[in-house]
Amino acid sequence: MTYAVLCTSSCLFYGIFELMISKKNINYILFIISLLGYFFLYYEIDRSEFFKLILGVSVLGAIYFYWLKTNALSIKQIVIFAVIFRGVLLFDNPNFSDDCYRFVWDGNLIVQGENPYEKTPAQIMQNKEDYSIQNLPTIYEDLNSQQYFTVYPPLNQFFFSSAVYLSGNNVFLPIFYMKLFILLFEIGLLFLLFRMLRKLKLKENLAQIYALNPLVIIELTGNVHFEGIMVFFLILGLYFILLHRVILASLFIGFAISVKVIPLLLLPLFLPLLGFKNSVKLYAGIGLTSVVLVLPFISPTVIDNFSQSLNLYFQTFEFNASFYYLFKNISYLFLGYKSSLIGTITPVVIFCSAIFFTFSLYKKQGKKQEEFDITLFAGYASSLLLVFYLLASTVHPWYVINILIFSVFSYNRAFVFWTILSFLSYFAYSNFVLDFAPNRDFHNYGWYYALIAFQYGILLYLVIFEKRKKQIT
């Protein structure tokens, strides 16, 4: 009797379970789990709670990879899910990054008619300069770079100041407006990707590689990083290149560089794909756009301050590096100090890599320059950015988004996996570092380096595996 009851109950449970996870319903179940996951990560935990963070990211990552693997979502579902996941993160200050407070600081200075590139926050507070910002000391306390000049390009400053202007004297409302700007540009990017994929005769659901990626959702709309706006302008520029409108393309690529300077690295790759004449038009337009945008801020003092800040950023800050850490430790082992050659050789290697990839593109493209091959460009751009980040001293998780976007057009599983692996770098802010690392410095803690080595070890394995797989096929 008991056995019969158990069998009947089991069959009934299985029937209900099978009904619940039917193909029609499983995506909505996974959507609800993801929505709860984003809410949990953003509103319920701090970046110091490493295990909870990784658990939440792992669940979100597993669902994301399921959707990529099965292609189970319609275009409508991709759009709705992407917007809702981002929308739920609009209503609180970031809990994984404090960069946004510098954005608010710079924006306040511009609204007051001051040049944010001329003085450091520490200099302003030390001189007790009278700006009509009642909450200036409050913002200052939250800054993570009080001694440094700002490094954010001019178009970025436009978004900072616009958010502050719309907020009146409210010190935290600008963060909401910045999130809203990023969300709107992300929605625009999503529809742009669909349009480009249709034009290229590729599957439109490839857009979900970017649209539903947990790193993109958390770090852009959630943690207020402007890579989302930069990527929109860059992809829009590529779209106009596809339409043979090079001058218009140069305008938007110039905008992209004026939000984040990283697209500068990719400019040589256009030469073999566009030919000399069109490339000159493109470069001239980008240069003119950049000059016009920087003119309101430019002065000899500003140029010196900005160059100092960039130099300090690349020489002083170290986070989630790979080969840079390796070279640094080898230098300490044999010399007893960090050799200045590390900072000198790295730009040379990156420059040589850009030249190498450019000539490789010439070889690959041949004499066919009638159509811009965005798939070819995306593959080489991803590889060049990978070299840059492997040699960089600082690789924040959201930097990987700059590579991920190209996987929409030239899919590479290694880069998609890296977006999830990059969350391991948040161990630097964990309670383990606060409790056990000497001087609470993650650079003095072996487990930090172990996790970084694990992250990049998996990445390099996947990169090599993907390359061999393409060679075989």
Foldseek 3Di string as FASTA:
>chain_A
DVVVVVVVVVVVVVVVVCVCCPLVHVVVVLLVLLLVLLCCLWPPDALQAPVSNLVSLVSLLVSLVVCVVPVSDDLVRLLVSLLSLLVVQLPDAGRQDLQVLVLLVLLQQVLQVHQQLQDAQLVCVVVVDDGPQPCSVVSCVSDPCRPARDQFFQLSNVLSNVLPVVVDNDSPSSLSSLLVVLSVLLSVQLVLQLVVCVVVVHDSSLSSLQSSAPLNSCVPSNNPDCLSVLVSLQSVLVVVVQVVNLLVSLLSNLSSCRGPVVCVLLLLQVPLQADDVSSVSSVVSSVVNSCVSCVVNDDPSSVVRNVVRVVCCQPPDAFLAAVLVVQQVVCCVPPVGGDCVLVVVLVVVLVVLSVVLNVVSNVVCPPDRPGRDLLSSLVSVLVSVVSNRNSTRDDQLSNLSVNSVSCSSHNQVLSSVLSSLNSLRSNLSHVCLVPPAVVSGVVRPPVNVVSSCVSVVSSVVSVVVRVVVVVVD
